[in-house]
Every structure is written in structure tokens, then in C-alpha cells.
C-alpha atoms as a PDB file:
ATOM      1  CA  MET A   1     -30.264  40.485 -28.645  1.00  0.00           C
ATOM      2  CA  SER A   2     -31.457  37.476 -26.612  1.00  0.00           C
ATOM      3  CA  GLY A   3     -31.664  34.045 -28.080  1.00  0.00           C
ATOM      4  CA  LEU A   4     -30.240  30.470 -28.170  1.00  0.00           C
ATOM      5  CA  ILE A   5     -26.549  29.752 -28.635  1.00  0.00           C
ATOM      6  CA  ASN A   6     -26.386  28.036 -31.992  1.00  0.00           C
ATOM      7  CA  ASN A   7     -22.576  27.733 -32.320  1.00  0.00           C
ATOM      8  CA  ILE A   8     -19.531  28.488 -30.260  1.00  0.00           C
ATOM      9  CA  LEU A   9     -16.466  29.317 -32.382  1.00  0.00           C
ATOM     10  CA  VAL A  10     -13.831  29.756 -29.722  1.00  0.00           C
ATOM     11  CA  ALA A  11     -12.362  28.001 -26.681  1.00  0.00           C
ATOM     12  CA  GLU A  12     -10.275  28.894 -23.714  1.00  0.00           C
ATOM     13  CA  GLY A  13      -6.834  29.885 -25.040  1.00  0.00           C
ATOM     14  CA  THR A  14      -8.076  31.242 -28.342  1.00  0.00           C
ATOM     15  CA  LYS A  15      -6.465  34.586 -29.355  1.00  0.00           C
ATOM     16  CA  LEU A  16      -8.901  37.102 -30.633  1.00  0.00           C
ATOM     17  CA  LYS A  17      -8.847  40.499 -32.365  1.00  0.00           C
ATOM     18  CA  SER A  18     -11.668  43.001 -31.882  1.00  0.00           C
ATOM     19  CA  GLY A  19     -14.472  42.103 -34.417  1.00  0.00           C
ATOM     20  CA  ASP A  20     -13.702  38.348 -34.592  1.00  0.00           C
ATOM     21  CA  VAL A  21     -16.862  36.148 -34.622  1.00  0.00           C
ATOM     22  CA  VAL A  22     -16.969  34.217 -31.324  1.00  0.00           C
ATOM     23  CA  ALA A  23     -20.477  32.732 -31.360  1.00  0.00           C
ATOM     24  CA  VAL A  24     -23.748  32.439 -33.351  1.00  0.00           C
ATOM     25  CA  VAL A  25     -27.033  33.257 -31.643  1.00  0.00           C
ATOM     26  CA  GLU A  26     -30.420  32.197 -33.095  1.00  0.00           C
ATOM     27  CA  SER A  27     -33.119  34.783 -32.427  1.00  0.00           C
ATOM     28  CA  MET A  28     -36.462  35.064 -34.155  1.00  0.00           C
ATOM     29  CA  LYS A  29     -35.412  32.368 -36.687  1.00  0.00           C
ATOM     30  CA  MET A  30     -32.366  34.459 -37.667  1.00  0.00           C
ATOM     31  CA  LEU A  31     -28.665  33.587 -37.065  1.00  0.00           C
ATOM     32  CA  ILE A  32     -26.683  36.459 -35.700  1.00  0.00           C
ATOM     33  CA  ASP A  33     -22.905  36.626 -35.469  1.00  0.00           C
ATOM     34  CA  ILE A  34     -21.571  37.707 -32.053  1.00  0.00           C
ATOM     35  CA  LYS A  35     -18.318  39.568 -32.385  1.00  0.00           C
ATOM     36  CA  SER A  36     -15.554  40.165 -29.889  1.00  0.00           C
ATOM     37  CA  GLU A  37     -15.547  43.761 -28.591  1.00  0.00           C
ATOM     38  CA  ALA A  38     -11.841  43.607 -27.600  1.00  0.00           C
ATOM     39  CA  THR A  39      -8.512  42.093 -28.445  1.00  0.00           C
ATOM     40  CA  GLY A  40      -7.084  39.329 -26.083  1.00  0.00           C
ATOM     41  CA  THR A  41      -7.078  35.621 -25.214  1.00  0.00           C
ATOM     42  CA  VAL A  42     -10.285  33.854 -24.088  1.00  0.00           C
ATOM     43  CA  THR A  43      -9.797  32.848 -20.451  1.00  0.00           C
ATOM     44  CA  LYS A  44     -13.350  31.597 -19.724  1.00  0.00           C
ATOM     45  CA  VAL A  45     -16.358  30.442 -21.785  1.00  0.00           C
ATOM     46  CA  ASN A  46     -19.509  31.350 -19.855  1.00  0.00           C
ATOM     47  CA  CYS A  47     -22.063  29.807 -22.302  1.00  0.00           C
ATOM     48  CA  GLN A  48     -23.006  26.370 -23.773  1.00  0.00           C
ATOM     49  CA  LEU A  49     -24.693  25.214 -26.973  1.00  0.00           C
ATOM     50  CA  GLU A  50     -28.479  25.539 -26.882  1.00  0.00           C
ATOM     51  CA  GLU A  51     -28.398  27.802 -23.868  1.00  0.00           C
ATOM     52  CA  PHE A  52     -30.722  30.778 -23.836  1.00  0.00           C
ATOM     53  CA  VAL A  53     -28.742  34.060 -23.363  1.00  0.00           C
ATOM     54  CA  GLN A  54     -29.878  37.632 -22.691  1.00  0.00           C
ATOM     55  CA  GLU A  55     -28.711  40.769 -24.335  1.00  0.00           C
ATOM     56  CA  GLY A  56     -25.732  42.152 -22.367  1.00  0.00           C
ATOM     57  CA  GLN A  57     -24.829  38.794 -20.790  1.00  0.00           C
ATOM     58  CA  VAL A  58     -21.052  38.131 -20.719  1.00  0.00           C
ATOM     59  CA  LEU A  59     -20.458  35.066 -22.839  1.00  0.00           C
ATOM     60  CA  PHE A  60     -16.584  34.996 -22.865  1.00  0.00           C
ATOM     61  CA  GLU A  61     -13.986  36.445 -20.677  1.00  0.00           C
ATOM     62  CA  LEU A  62     -10.732  37.848 -22.182  1.00  0.00           C
ATOM     63  CA  GLU A  63      -7.287  38.680 -20.835  1.00  0.00           C
ATOM     64  CA  ASP A  64      -4.810  41.052 -22.625  1.00  0.00           C
END
């Protein structure tokens, strides 16, 4: 779902498990948790607060 980045909950170096919430997107006045689809360590954050993002856009890069 596309919308504005409302909150970023991870930074580079954060270790994640599949299903961890990494960000919150505001779309149509609703707040939607964005969850990690994989386990790994965040190597790059590709989004910023208040940035408009599209469905399917890569917001974070992970390394095993």
C-alpha cells in the first residue's frame, strides 16, 4: 500500500526476524505496520520520515 512514512523503527545494524515491524506507513488516514519479510541485519535504510512510498518499493536492505 502506498502512503507516507510515519515512523521508522530500525536503523542500519538492527537485527531482524521475519515478521518484525520495521516501519509505519500512513495511508488513507490509517496507520499500517510494515513487517520484515526476511531474517537478517539491516544494511541500508532507503526511506525517510514523511516520504511518500509506493507499494512494492524496497524500504530496507538486509544481509544474512
